[in-house]
Amino acid sequence: MKAVTFQDVGVIAVSDVAEPELLEDSDVIVRVTRCAICGSDLHLYHGDIPMMPGDTCGHEFTGVIEDTGSSVKLKRGDRVVGTFHTACGGCNACLRGEFHLCSSGAVFGYGPIYGSLNGTQAEYARVPKADVNLRLIPAQLEDEQALFAGDILTTAYGAVKNAGVMIGETVAVIGCGPVGIMAIQSAFARGAARVLAIDLLEERLNLAASLGAIAVNGSTSDPVGRVMQLTDGEGVDAVIEAVGGPRTIILAFELVRPGGRIAAVGVSSETTFEYPLMQSLTKDVTFRIGLANIHRDIDETLALISSGKIDPTIVISHRLSLSDAVEGYDLFDKRQASKVILIP
């Protein structure tokens, strides 16, 4: 079968690889119908997270079940969306609902540090613990709509949820890439009265504004000054940091009001940052950072898509065949694409 494989830093290829096989009675084989290139895939592409040459890339996917292990309740022919990270469903973390902390969890296509699980930018994929790690796609949804519930939409929605956004509040979203755009929609879906969208790129801000957000261009204005102006000098109730790295996390602390909350979900390869301890202490700020708990929130995001309250497909800029994945990575890496969908 054809699959997108890592070859070296900055080099991927579409290769012929062996089709996956069932290894456990809880596995299924999915014929992939849609997959995508994620911003976090670029960390692998740039060599920030190690991959082995020949590893299959990708972790966002929808598909149709082609074969099942003997213990699986899902059936052949079911249309499904997969969670980007797997969980066992039975360890202490999973039983607490902390599926992202599963003792045996892994991330599809994310190398040896994250479980050496083959990726899903391929014609077929093996999904372990399938009843835990797959969801049926509601009949009224197209595959491309459901695709985003397995990663970036639910990542953003989970951050908004973790930030405790309440009806009538003002929220700032730092970064209007795909996750940031999903966070804007999620904040409104959870009742935010205003969302302030902060980015450096005008085209991203225009998309944010089309969703009802107030655009704040950090390349032409002082974002802190502008946010304080819009909030009568107090700051916002909650900040969603959707970029990753020390600079934007520190910005989040500058934007949040006393007693406010910050949820950081931007992926970064940085190992440390200088925490604003005194500022956090005196302002009584709640700061939360962590991997997305997709299993916890995916059913809610699928329902929000089905109801029309969120349209995740607005971030799609390119639809390419799987065989054109090299071009897709190049476009995405050069920021000439906002979201690339690959069609096997």
C-alpha atoms as a PDB file:
ATOM      1  CA  MET A   1       0.000   0.000   0.000  1.00  0.00           C
ATOM      2  CA  LYS A   2       0.982   3.654  -0.309  1.00  0.00           C
ATOM      3  CA  ALA A   3       1.994   5.571   2.810  1.00  0.00           C
ATOM      4  CA  VAL A   4       3.713   8.839   3.689  1.00  0.00           C
ATOM      5  CA  THR A   5       7.039   7.952   5.285  1.00  0.00           C
ATOM      6  CA  PHE A   6       9.723   9.884   7.115  1.00  0.00           C
ATOM      7  CA  GLN A   7      13.113   9.575   5.399  1.00  0.00           C
ATOM      8  CA  ASP A   8      15.276  12.246   7.005  1.00  0.00           C
ATOM      9  CA  VAL A   9      14.981  15.707   8.492  1.00  0.00           C
ATOM     10  CA  GLY A  10      13.012  17.736   5.969  1.00  0.00           C
ATOM     11  CA  VAL A  11      12.487  14.721   3.715  1.00  0.00           C
ATOM     12  CA  ILE A  12       9.321  12.672   3.437  1.00  0.00           C
ATOM     13  CA  ALA A  13       8.237  10.337   0.660  1.00  0.00           C
ATOM     14  CA  VAL A  14       5.223   8.408  -0.552  1.00  0.00           C
ATOM     15  CA  SER A  15       6.399   4.815  -0.305  1.00  0.00           C
ATOM     16  CA  ASP A  16       5.180   1.294  -0.859  1.00  0.00           C
ATOM     17  CA  VAL A  17       4.898  -0.372   2.550  1.00  0.00           C
ATOM     18  CA  ALA A  18       3.338  -3.571   3.846  1.00  0.00           C
ATOM     19  CA  GLU A  19      -0.362  -3.450   4.659  1.00  0.00           C
ATOM     20  CA  PRO A  20      -1.082  -3.568   8.407  1.00  0.00           C
ATOM     21  CA  GLU A  21      -2.337  -6.775  10.021  1.00  0.00           C
ATOM     22  CA  LEU A  22      -4.386  -7.510  13.107  1.00  0.00           C
ATOM     23  CA  LEU A  23      -2.054  -8.137  16.039  1.00  0.00           C
ATOM     24  CA  GLU A  24      -4.527  -8.303  18.940  1.00  0.00           C
ATOM     25  CA  ASP A  25      -8.164  -9.341  19.191  1.00  0.00           C
ATOM     26  CA  SER A  26      -9.028  -5.698  20.053  1.00  0.00           C
ATOM     27  CA  ASP A  27      -7.494  -4.333  16.810  1.00  0.00           C
ATOM     28  CA  VAL A  28      -9.195  -3.221  13.632  1.00  0.00           C
ATOM     29  CA  ILE A  29      -7.895  -2.402  10.188  1.00  0.00           C
ATOM     30  CA  VAL A  30      -9.261   0.863   8.805  1.00  0.00           C
ATOM     31  CA  ARG A  31      -9.296   1.803   5.131  1.00  0.00           C
ATOM     32  CA  VAL A  32      -8.384   5.460   5.389  1.00  0.00           C
ATOM     33  CA  THR A  33     -10.719   7.826   3.526  1.00  0.00           C
ATOM     34  CA  ARG A  34      -9.302  11.142   4.720  1.00  0.00           C
ATOM     35  CA  CYS A  35      -6.145  12.108   6.558  1.00  0.00           C
ATOM     36  CA  ALA A  36      -4.450  15.427   7.165  1.00  0.00           C
ATOM     37  CA  ILE A  37      -1.151  17.147   7.770  1.00  0.00           C
ATOM     38  CA  CYS A  38      -1.101  18.618  11.267  1.00  0.00           C
ATOM     39  CA  GLY A  39       1.012  21.475  12.570  1.00  0.00           C
ATOM     40  CA  SER A  40       2.599  19.086  15.046  1.00  0.00           C
ATOM     41  CA  ASP A  41       3.741  16.901  12.124  1.00  0.00           C
ATOM     42  CA  LEU A  42       6.189  19.679  11.306  1.00  0.00           C
ATOM     43  CA  HIS A  43       8.050  19.009  14.559  1.00  0.00           C
ATOM     44  CA  LEU A  44       8.855  15.577  13.140  1.00  0.00           C
ATOM     45  CA  TYR A  45       9.569  17.010   9.706  1.00  0.00           C
ATOM     46  CA  HIS A  46      12.102  19.428  11.208  1.00  0.00           C
ATOM     47  CA  GLY A  47      13.731  16.771  13.372  1.00  0.00           C
ATOM     48  CA  ASP A  48      12.626  18.236  16.714  1.00  0.00           C
ATOM     49  CA  ILE A  49      11.012  14.908  17.643  1.00  0.00           C
ATOM     50  CA  PRO A  50      12.875  11.769  16.511  1.00  0.00           C
ATOM     51  CA  MET A  51      11.484   9.472  13.830  1.00  0.00           C
ATOM     52  CA  MET A  52      13.077   6.408  12.305  1.00  0.00           C
ATOM     53  CA  PRO A  53      13.650   6.358   8.540  1.00  0.00           C
ATOM     54  CA  GLY A  54      10.724   4.543   6.938  1.00  0.00           C
ATOM     55  CA  ASP A  55       8.241   5.320   9.743  1.00  0.00           C
ATOM     56  CA  THR A  56       4.731   6.149   8.528  1.00  0.00           C
ATOM     57  CA  CYS A  57       3.608   9.673   9.387  1.00  0.00           C
ATOM     58  CA  GLY A  58       0.277  11.160  10.399  1.00  0.00           C
ATOM     59  CA  HIS A  59      -2.293  10.954  13.176  1.00  0.00           C
ATOM     60  CA  GLU A  60      -5.512  12.566  11.852  1.00  0.00           C
ATOM     61  CA  PHE A  61      -7.805  10.200   9.990  1.00  0.00           C
ATOM     62  CA  THR A  62     -11.234   8.919   9.124  1.00  0.00           C
ATOM     63  CA  GLY A  63     -12.046   5.682   7.414  1.00  0.00           C
ATOM     64  CA  VAL A  64     -14.090   2.549   7.007  1.00  0.00           C
ATOM     65  CA  ILE A  65     -13.459  -0.573   9.065  1.00  0.00           C
ATOM     66  CA  GLU A  66     -12.239  -3.392   6.819  1.00  0.00           C
ATOM     67  CA  ASP A  67     -11.370  -6.077   9.363  1.00  0.00           C
ATOM     68  CA  THR A  68     -11.837  -6.570  13.098  1.00  0.00           C
ATOM     69  CA  GLY A  69     -10.383  -8.605  15.920  1.00  0.00           C
ATOM     70  CA  SER A  70     -12.622 -11.122  17.671  1.00  0.00           C
ATOM     71  CA  SER A  71     -13.401  -8.916  20.700  1.00  0.00           C
ATOM     72  CA  VAL A  72     -14.268  -5.709  18.830  1.00  0.00           C
ATOM     73  CA  LYS A  73     -17.847  -4.408  19.012  1.00  0.00           C
ATOM     74  CA  LEU A  74     -17.455  -2.120  16.002  1.00  0.00           C
ATOM     75  CA  LYS A  75     -18.327  -3.747  12.697  1.00  0.00           C
ATOM     76  CA  ARG A  76     -16.920  -4.040   9.230  1.00  0.00           C
ATOM     77  CA  GLY A  77     -18.242  -1.216   7.091  1.00  0.00           C
ATOM     78  CA  ASP A  78     -18.595   1.242   9.982  1.00  0.00           C
ATOM     79  CA  ARG A  79     -17.447   4.784   9.183  1.00  0.00           C
ATOM     80  CA  VAL A  80     -15.145   5.954  11.951  1.00  0.00           C
ATOM     81  CA  VAL A  81     -12.934   8.782  13.108  1.00  0.00           C
ATOM     82  CA  GLY A  82      -9.850   8.008  15.146  1.00  0.00           C
ATOM     83  CA  THR A  83      -8.381   9.768  18.148  1.00  0.00           C
ATOM     84  CA  PHE A  84      -4.844  10.964  17.443  1.00  0.00           C
ATOM     85  CA  HIS A  85      -3.595   9.351  20.651  1.00  0.00           C
ATOM     86  CA  THR A  86      -4.561   5.892  21.824  1.00  0.00           C
ATOM     87  CA  ALA A  87      -5.645   4.728  25.248  1.00  0.00           C
ATOM     88  CA  CYS A  88      -6.293   1.321  26.781  1.00  0.00           C
ATOM     89  CA  GLY A  89      -9.503   2.226  28.617  1.00  0.00           C
ATOM     90  CA  GLY A  90      -8.622   0.139  31.671  1.00  0.00           C
ATOM     91  CA  CYS A  91      -5.594   1.573  33.467  1.00  0.00           C
ATOM     92  CA  ASN A  92      -5.917   3.890  36.465  1.00  0.00           C
ATOM     93  CA  ALA A  93      -5.532   7.012  34.337  1.00  0.00           C
ATOM     94  CA  CYS A  94      -8.196   5.902  31.862  1.00  0.00           C
ATOM     95  CA  LEU A  95     -10.584   4.961  34.667  1.00  0.00           C
ATOM     96  CA  ARG A  96     -10.154   8.499  36.014  1.00  0.00           C
ATOM     97  CA  GLY A  97     -11.066   9.834  32.564  1.00  0.00           C
ATOM     98  CA  GLU A  98      -7.470  10.944  31.942  1.00  0.00           C
ATOM     99  CA  PHE A  99      -7.117   9.052  28.676  1.00  0.00           C
ATOM    100  CA  HIS A 100      -4.240  11.273  27.507  1.00  0.00           C
ATOM    101  CA  LEU A 101      -2.206   9.951  30.454  1.00  0.00           C
ATOM    102  CA  CYS A 102      -2.843   6.273  29.695  1.00  0.00           C
ATOM    103  CA  SER A 103      -0.003   4.093  30.938  1.00  0.00           C
ATOM    104  CA  SER A 104       0.177   2.292  27.590  1.00  0.00           C
ATOM    105  CA  GLY A 105      -0.996   5.090  25.297  1.00  0.00           C
ATOM    106  CA  ALA A 106       0.695   6.088  22.068  1.00  0.00           C
ATOM    107  CA  VAL A 107       0.394   8.670  19.303  1.00  0.00           C
ATOM    108  CA  PHE A 108      -0.104   7.552  15.721  1.00  0.00           C
ATOM    109  CA  GLY A 109       2.914   8.323  13.554  1.00  0.00           C
ATOM    110  CA  TYR A 110       4.927  10.124  16.206  1.00  0.00           C
ATOM    111  CA  GLY A 111       8.032   7.997  16.531  1.00  0.00           C
ATOM    112  CA  PRO A 112       9.648   5.873  19.245  1.00  0.00           C
ATOM    113  CA  ILE A 113       9.203   8.373  22.086  1.00  0.00           C
ATOM    114  CA  TYR A 114       5.449   8.233  21.609  1.00  0.00           C
ATOM    115  CA  GLY A 115       4.947   4.500  21.251  1.00  0.00           C
ATOM    116  CA  SER A 116       6.249   3.625  17.772  1.00  0.00           C
ATOM    117  CA  LEU A 117       2.696   3.313  16.440  1.00  0.00           C
ATOM    118  CA  ASN A 118       2.469   3.459  12.652  1.00  0.00           C
ATOM    119  CA  GLY A 119       0.891   6.618  11.304  1.00  0.00           C
ATOM    120  CA  THR A 120      -2.321   7.126   9.379  1.00  0.00           C
ATOM    121  CA  GLN A 121      -1.223   9.058   6.291  1.00  0.00           C
ATOM    122  CA  ALA A 122      -1.674   5.805   4.432  1.00  0.00           C
ATOM    123  CA  GLU A 123      -4.220   3.729   2.569  1.00  0.00           C
ATOM    124  CA  TYR A 124      -4.774   1.472   5.596  1.00  0.00           C
ATOM    125  CA  ALA A 125      -4.069   1.732   9.322  1.00  0.00           C
ATOM    126  CA  ARG A 126      -4.151  -0.609  12.292  1.00  0.00           C
ATOM    127  CA  VAL A 127      -5.997   0.799  15.301  1.00  0.00           C
ATOM    128  CA  PRO A 128      -5.339  -0.891  18.663  1.00  0.00           C
ATOM    129  CA  LYS A 129      -8.083  -1.037  21.325  1.00  0.00           C
ATOM    130  CA  ALA A 130     -10.462  -0.014  18.583  1.00  0.00           C
ATOM    131  CA  ASP A 131     -13.600   0.301  20.697  1.00  0.00           C
ATOM    132  CA  VAL A 132     -11.776   2.867  22.855  1.00  0.00           C
ATOM    133  CA  ASN A 133      -9.916   4.751  20.137  1.00  0.00           C
ATOM    134  CA  LEU A 134     -12.518   5.052  17.379  1.00  0.00           C
ATOM    135  CA  ARG A 135     -15.882   6.793  17.199  1.00  0.00           C
ATOM    136  CA  LEU A 136     -18.684   6.190  14.746  1.00  0.00           C
ATOM    137  CA  ILE A 137     -19.188   9.130  12.407  1.00  0.00           C
ATOM    138  CA  PRO A 138     -22.756  10.441  12.684  1.00  0.00           C
ATOM    139  CA  ALA A 139     -24.689   9.693   9.507  1.00  0.00           C
ATOM    140  CA  GLN A 140     -25.284  13.378   8.744  1.00  0.00           C
ATOM    141  CA  LEU A 141     -21.572  14.251   8.733  1.00  0.00           C
ATOM    142  CA  GLU A 142     -19.121  14.020   5.868  1.00  0.00           C
ATOM    143  CA  ASP A 143     -15.748  12.456   6.599  1.00  0.00           C
ATOM    144  CA  GLU A 144     -13.990  15.822   6.328  1.00  0.00           C
ATOM    145  CA  GLN A 145     -16.222  17.295   9.027  1.00  0.00           C
ATOM    146  CA  ALA A 146     -15.616  14.418  11.419  1.00  0.00           C
ATOM    147  CA  LEU A 147     -11.874  14.310  10.709  1.00  0.00           C
ATOM    148  CA  PHE A 148     -11.188  17.319  12.910  1.00  0.00           C
ATOM    149  CA  ALA A 149     -12.904  15.848  15.959  1.00  0.00           C
ATOM    150  CA  GLY A 150     -10.056  13.342  16.252  1.00  0.00           C
ATOM    151  CA  ASP A 151      -7.460  16.025  16.871  1.00  0.00           C
ATOM    152  CA  ILE A 152      -7.386  19.777  16.319  1.00  0.00           C
ATOM    153  CA  LEU A 153     -11.027  20.650  17.041  1.00  0.00           C
ATOM    154  CA  THR A 154     -11.173  18.556  20.189  1.00  0.00           C
ATOM    155  CA  THR A 155      -7.731  19.810  21.229  1.00  0.00           C
ATOM    156  CA  ALA A 156      -9.025  23.375  21.001  1.00  0.00           C
ATOM    157  CA  TYR A 157     -12.361  22.583  22.599  1.00  0.00           C
ATOM    158  CA  GLY A 158     -10.619  20.794  25.449  1.00  0.00           C
ATOM    159  CA  ALA A 159      -8.437  23.845  26.064  1.00  0.00           C
ATOM    160  CA  VAL A 160     -11.506  26.085  26.230  1.00  0.00           C
ATOM    161  CA  LYS A 161     -13.079  23.601  28.626  1.00  0.00           C
ATOM    162  CA  ASN A 162      -9.901  23.410  30.734  1.00  0.00           C
ATOM    163  CA  ALA A 163      -9.860  27.216  30.914  1.00  0.00           C
ATOM    164  CA  GLY A 164     -13.319  27.121  32.447  1.00  0.00           C
ATOM    165  CA  VAL A 165     -14.835  29.510  29.901  1.00  0.00           C
ATOM    166  CA  MET A 166     -18.298  30.550  31.045  1.00  0.00           C
ATOM    167  CA  ILE A 167     -21.281  32.291  29.487  1.00  0.00           C
ATOM    168  CA  GLY A 168     -20.706  36.001  28.981  1.00  0.00           C
ATOM    169  CA  GLU A 169     -16.921  35.970  29.400  1.00  0.00           C
ATOM    170  CA  THR A 170     -14.230  37.558  27.249  1.00  0.00           C
ATOM    171  CA  VAL A 171     -11.621  35.161  25.884  1.00  0.00           C
ATOM    172  CA  ALA A 172      -8.329  35.816  24.105  1.00  0.00           C
ATOM    173  CA  VAL A 173      -6.991  33.267  21.625  1.00  0.00           C
ATOM    174  CA  ILE A 174      -3.291  33.609  20.830  1.00  0.00           C
ATOM    175  CA  GLY A 175      -2.574  32.165  17.398  1.00  0.00           C
ATOM    176  CA  CYS A 176      -5.155  31.846  14.634  1.00  0.00           C
ATOM    177  CA  GLY A 177      -3.827  28.774  12.904  1.00  0.00           C
ATOM    178  CA  PRO A 178      -6.153  25.767  12.628  1.00  0.00           C
ATOM    179  CA  VAL A 179      -6.191  25.074  16.387  1.00  0.00           C
ATOM    180  CA  GLY A 180      -6.731  28.745  17.184  1.00  0.00           C
ATOM    181  CA  ILE A 181      -9.620  29.010  14.730  1.00  0.00           C
ATOM    182  CA  MET A 182     -11.167  25.937  16.369  1.00  0.00           C
ATOM    183  CA  ALA A 183     -10.649  27.542  19.789  1.00  0.00           C
ATOM    184  CA  ILE A 184     -12.510  30.669  18.653  1.00  0.00           C
ATOM    185  CA  GLN A 185     -15.477  28.596  17.533  1.00  0.00           C
ATOM    186  CA  SER A 186     -15.332  26.508  20.711  1.00  0.00           C
ATOM    187  CA  ALA A 187     -15.284  29.567  22.953  1.00  0.00           C
ATOM    188  CA  PHE A 188     -18.384  30.955  21.266  1.00  0.00           C
ATOM    189  CA  ALA A 189     -20.046  27.526  21.438  1.00  0.00           C
ATOM    190  CA  ARG A 190     -19.471  27.481  25.198  1.00  0.00           C
ATOM    191  CA  GLY A 191     -21.036  30.907  25.634  1.00  0.00           C
ATOM    192  CA  ALA A 192     -18.235  33.471  25.417  1.00  0.00           C
ATOM    193  CA  ALA A 193     -19.561  36.952  24.738  1.00  0.00           C
ATOM    194  CA  ARG A 194     -16.359  38.180  23.071  1.00  0.00           C
ATOM    195  CA  VAL A 195     -13.314  36.487  21.618  1.00  0.00           C
ATOM    196  CA  LEU A 196     -10.179  38.511  20.909  1.00  0.00           C
ATOM    197  CA  ALA A 197      -8.081  36.825  18.212  1.00  0.00           C
ATOM    198  CA  ILE A 198      -4.347  37.607  18.216  1.00  0.00           C
ATOM    199  CA  ASP A 199      -2.039  36.774  15.342  1.00  0.00           C
ATOM    200  CA  LEU A 200       0.629  38.281  13.088  1.00  0.00           C
ATOM    201  CA  LEU A 201      -0.922  37.287   9.754  1.00  0.00           C
ATOM    202  CA  GLU A 202      -3.729  39.320   8.232  1.00  0.00           C
ATOM    203  CA  GLU A 203      -5.296  36.403   6.355  1.00  0.00           C
ATOM    204  CA  ARG A 204      -5.645  34.405   9.564  1.00  0.00           C
ATOM    205  CA  LEU A 205      -7.136  37.401  11.359  1.00  0.00           C
ATOM    206  CA  ASN A 206      -9.633  37.898   8.545  1.00  0.00           C
ATOM    207  CA  LEU A 207     -10.846  34.333   9.001  1.00  0.00           C
ATOM    208  CA  ALA A 208     -11.098  34.874  12.760  1.00  0.00           C
ATOM    209  CA  ALA A 209     -13.083  38.073  12.204  1.00  0.00           C
ATOM    210  CA  SER A 210     -15.482  36.235   9.885  1.00  0.00           C
ATOM    211  CA  LEU A 211     -16.358  34.028  12.884  1.00  0.00           C
ATOM    212  CA  GLY A 212     -17.223  37.041  15.007  1.00  0.00           C
ATOM    213  CA  ALA A 213     -13.893  37.496  16.784  1.00  0.00           C
ATOM    214  CA  ILE A 214     -12.233  40.869  17.321  1.00  0.00           C
ATOM    215  CA  ALA A 215      -8.963  40.763  15.395  1.00  0.00           C
ATOM    216  CA  VAL A 216      -5.781  42.027  17.086  1.00  0.00           C
ATOM    217  CA  ASN A 217      -2.798  42.211  14.746  1.00  0.00           C
ATOM    218  CA  GLY A 218       0.357  41.714  16.777  1.00  0.00           C
ATOM    219  CA  SER A 219       2.581  42.827  13.889  1.00  0.00           C
ATOM    220  CA  THR A 220       1.025  46.282  13.572  1.00  0.00           C
ATOM    221  CA  SER A 221      -0.112  46.978  17.128  1.00  0.00           C
ATOM    222  CA  ASP A 222       0.756  46.217  20.741  1.00  0.00           C
ATOM    223  CA  PRO A 223      -1.490  43.245  21.589  1.00  0.00           C
ATOM    224  CA  VAL A 224      -1.306  43.889  25.331  1.00  0.00           C
ATOM    225  CA  GLY A 225      -2.260  47.530  24.928  1.00  0.00           C
ATOM    226  CA  ARG A 226      -5.078  46.692  22.541  1.00  0.00           C
ATOM    227  CA  VAL A 227      -6.508  43.970  24.790  1.00  0.00           C
ATOM    228  CA  MET A 228      -6.356  46.262  27.819  1.00  0.00           C
ATOM    229  CA  GLN A 229      -8.139  48.945  25.820  1.00  0.00           C
ATOM    230  CA  LEU A 230     -10.892  46.498  24.892  1.00  0.00           C
ATOM    231  CA  THR A 231     -11.288  45.287  28.502  1.00  0.00           C
ATOM    232  CA  ASP A 232     -11.136  48.654  30.302  1.00  0.00           C
ATOM    233  CA  GLY A 233      -7.665  47.877  31.592  1.00  0.00           C
ATOM    234  CA  GLU A 234      -8.577  44.647  33.357  1.00  0.00           C
ATOM    235  CA  GLY A 235      -7.578  41.895  30.942  1.00  0.00           C
ATOM    236  CA  VAL A 236      -9.513  38.915  29.655  1.00  0.00           C
ATOM    237  CA  ASP A 237     -11.227  36.228  31.698  1.00  0.00           C
ATOM    238  CA  ALA A 238      -9.424  33.391  29.936  1.00  0.00           C
ATOM    239  CA  VAL A 239      -6.600  32.936  27.444  1.00  0.00           C
ATOM    240  CA  ILE A 240      -6.118  30.041  25.034  1.00  0.00           C
ATOM    241  CA  GLU A 241      -2.486  29.830  23.930  1.00  0.00           C
ATOM    242  CA  ALA A 242      -2.473  27.969  20.591  1.00  0.00           C
ATOM    243  CA  VAL A 243       1.020  28.655  19.262  1.00  0.00           C
ATOM    244  CA  GLY A 244       3.519  26.953  21.564  1.00  0.00           C
ATOM    245  CA  GLY A 245       6.689  28.324  23.119  1.00  0.00           C
ATOM    246  CA  PRO A 246       7.790  30.715  25.877  1.00  0.00           C
ATOM    247  CA  ARG A 247       7.044  33.967  24.064  1.00  0.00           C
ATOM    248  CA  THR A 248       3.327  33.398  23.590  1.00  0.00           C
ATOM    249  CA  ILE A 249       2.887  31.790  27.004  1.00  0.00           C
ATOM    250  CA  ILE A 250       4.374  34.883  28.624  1.00  0.00           C
ATOM    251  CA  LEU A 251       2.016  36.985  26.501  1.00  0.00           C
ATOM    252  CA  ALA A 252      -0.887  34.985  27.914  1.00  0.00           C
ATOM    253  CA  PHE A 253       0.097  36.006  31.454  1.00  0.00           C
ATOM    254  CA  GLU A 254       0.151  39.640  30.351  1.00  0.00           C
ATOM    255  CA  LEU A 255      -3.335  39.443  28.834  1.00  0.00           C
ATOM    256  CA  VAL A 256      -5.234  37.600  31.569  1.00  0.00           C
ATOM    257  CA  ARG A 257      -7.094  39.506  34.270  1.00  0.00           C
ATOM    258  CA  PRO A 258      -6.441  38.982  37.991  1.00  0.00           C
ATOM    259  CA  GLY A 259      -8.116  35.717  38.932  1.00  0.00           C
ATOM    260  CA  GLY A 260      -8.237  34.626  35.293  1.00  0.00           C
ATOM    261  CA  ARG A 261      -7.304  31.355  33.650  1.00  0.00           C
ATOM    262  CA  ILE A 262      -4.835  30.273  30.973  1.00  0.00           C
ATOM    263  CA  ALA A 263      -4.867  27.032  28.996  1.00  0.00           C
ATOM    264  CA  ALA A 264      -1.836  26.377  26.788  1.00  0.00           C
ATOM    265  CA  VAL A 265      -2.115  23.760  24.047  1.00  0.00           C
ATOM    266  CA  GLY A 266       0.412  24.961  21.476  1.00  0.00           C
ATOM    267  CA  VAL A 267       2.966  22.211  20.811  1.00  0.00           C
ATOM    268  CA  SER A 268       6.574  23.252  21.413  1.00  0.00           C
ATOM    269  CA  SER A 269       9.927  21.519  21.351  1.00  0.00           C
ATOM    270  CA  GLU A 270      11.228  23.866  24.085  1.00  0.00           C
ATOM    271  CA  THR A 271      12.113  22.036  27.294  1.00  0.00           C
ATOM    272  CA  THR A 272      11.792  24.969  29.718  1.00  0.00           C
ATOM    273  CA  PHE A 273      10.554  28.526  29.964  1.00  0.00           C
ATOM    274  CA  GLU A 274      10.925  31.258  32.561  1.00  0.00           C
ATOM    275  CA  TYR A 275       7.730  31.071  34.582  1.00  0.00           C
ATOM    276  CA  PRO A 276       6.391  34.474  35.725  1.00  0.00           C
ATOM    277  CA  LEU A 277       6.097  33.338  39.317  1.00  0.00           C
ATOM    278  CA  MET A 278       5.478  36.655  41.067  1.00  0.00           C
ATOM    279  CA  GLN A 279       3.063  37.845  38.400  1.00  0.00           C
ATOM    280  CA  SER A 280       1.131  34.596  38.637  1.00  0.00           C
ATOM    281  CA  LEU A 281       1.120  34.763  42.424  1.00  0.00           C
ATOM    282  CA  THR A 282      -0.037  38.355  42.748  1.00  0.00           C
ATOM    283  CA  LYS A 283      -2.670  38.014  40.027  1.00  0.00           C
ATOM    284  CA  ASP A 284      -3.927  34.634  41.335  1.00  0.00           C
ATOM    285  CA  VAL A 285      -3.732  33.145  37.841  1.00  0.00           C
ATOM    286  CA  THR A 286      -4.674  29.555  37.059  1.00  0.00           C
ATOM    287  CA  PHE A 287      -2.296  28.117  34.448  1.00  0.00           C
ATOM    288  CA  ARG A 288      -2.889  24.761  32.783  1.00  0.00           C
ATOM    289  CA  ILE A 289      -0.799  23.076  30.109  1.00  0.00           C
ATOM    290  CA  GLY A 290      -0.944  19.541  28.781  1.00  0.00           C
ATOM    291  CA  LEU A 291      -1.698  17.161  25.972  1.00  0.00           C
ATOM    292  CA  ALA A 292      -5.254  17.051  24.680  1.00  0.00           C
ATOM    293  CA  ASN A 293      -7.614  14.523  26.250  1.00  0.00           C
ATOM    294  CA  ILE A 294      -9.395  13.659  23.014  1.00  0.00           C
ATOM    295  CA  HIS A 295     -11.382  10.713  24.367  1.00  0.00           C
ATOM    296  CA  ARG A 296     -12.919  12.908  27.067  1.00  0.00           C
ATOM    297  CA  ASP A 297     -14.322  15.479  24.648  1.00  0.00           C
ATOM    298  CA  ILE A 298     -14.706  13.915  21.188  1.00  0.00           C
ATOM    299  CA  ASP A 299     -18.378  13.028  21.615  1.00  0.00           C
ATOM    300  CA  GLU A 300     -19.146  16.645  22.524  1.00  0.00           C
ATOM    301  CA  THR A 301     -17.318  18.021  19.500  1.00  0.00           C
ATOM    302  CA  LEU A 302     -18.997  15.570  17.126  1.00  0.00           C
ATOM    303  CA  ALA A 303     -22.340  16.759  18.544  1.00  0.00           C
ATOM    304  CA  LEU A 304     -21.380  20.412  18.053  1.00  0.00           C
ATOM    305  CA  ILE A 305     -20.427  19.754  14.435  1.00  0.00           C
ATOM    306  CA  SER A 306     -23.656  17.825  13.860  1.00  0.00           C
ATOM    307  CA  SER A 307     -25.705  20.685  15.308  1.00  0.00           C
ATOM    308  CA  GLY A 308     -24.005  23.232  13.049  1.00  0.00           C
ATOM    309  CA  LYS A 309     -22.569  25.214  15.957  1.00  0.00           C
ATOM    310  CA  ILE A 310     -19.020  24.546  14.757  1.00  0.00           C
ATOM    311  CA  ASP A 311     -17.772  24.195  11.184  1.00  0.00           C
ATOM    312  CA  PRO A 312     -14.238  22.812  11.303  1.00  0.00           C
ATOM    313  CA  THR A 313     -13.868  22.591   7.513  1.00  0.00           C
ATOM    314  CA  ILE A 314     -13.347  26.348   7.174  1.00  0.00           C
ATOM    315  CA  VAL A 315      -9.619  25.863   7.838  1.00  0.00           C
ATOM    316  CA  ILE A 316      -9.103  23.614   4.794  1.00  0.00           C
ATOM    317  CA  SER A 317      -7.031  25.300   2.104  1.00  0.00           C
ATOM    318  CA  HIS A 318      -5.874  22.314   0.040  1.00  0.00           C
ATOM    319  CA  ARG A 319      -7.186  18.885  -0.853  1.00  0.00           C
ATOM    320  CA  LEU A 320      -4.529  16.666  -2.397  1.00  0.00           C
ATOM    321  CA  SER A 321      -4.204  13.021  -3.245  1.00  0.00           C
ATOM    322  CA  LEU A 322      -2.050  10.955  -0.901  1.00  0.00           C
ATOM    323  CA  SER A 323       0.483  10.638  -3.708  1.00  0.00           C
ATOM    324  CA  ASP A 324       0.959  14.436  -3.565  1.00  0.00           C
ATOM    325  CA  ALA A 325       1.823  14.467   0.148  1.00  0.00           C
ATOM    326  CA  VAL A 326       5.366  15.771  -0.481  1.00  0.00           C
ATOM    327  CA  GLU A 327       3.864  18.865  -2.077  1.00  0.00           C
ATOM    328  CA  GLY A 328       1.414  19.149   0.801  1.00  0.00           C
ATOM    329  CA  TYR A 329       4.172  19.124   3.408  1.00  0.00           C
ATOM    330  CA  ASP A 330       6.124  21.714   1.446  1.00  0.00           C
ATOM    331  CA  LEU A 331       3.103  24.025   1.192  1.00  0.00           C
ATOM    332  CA  PHE A 332       2.306  23.614   4.872  1.00  0.00           C
ATOM    333  CA  ASP A 333       5.892  24.142   5.983  1.00  0.00           C
ATOM    334  CA  LYS A 334       6.133  27.362   3.942  1.00  0.00           C
ATOM    335  CA  ARG A 335       2.811  28.605   5.387  1.00  0.00           C
ATOM    336  CA  GLN A 336       1.286  28.598   1.929  1.00  0.00           C
ATOM    337  CA  ALA A 337      -1.482  26.309   3.225  1.00  0.00           C
ATOM    338  CA  SER A 338      -3.619  26.544   6.333  1.00  0.00           C
ATOM    339  CA  LYS A 339      -4.755  22.913   6.380  1.00  0.00           C
ATOM    340  CA  VAL A 340      -3.947  20.156   3.897  1.00  0.00           C
ATOM    341  CA  ILE A 341      -6.297  17.194   3.502  1.00  0.00           C
ATOM    342  CA  LEU A 342      -4.871  14.062   1.897  1.00  0.00           C
ATOM    343  CA  ILE A 343      -7.172  11.684   0.038  1.00  0.00           C
ATOM    344  CA  PRO A 344      -5.881   8.107  -0.362  1.00  0.00           C
END
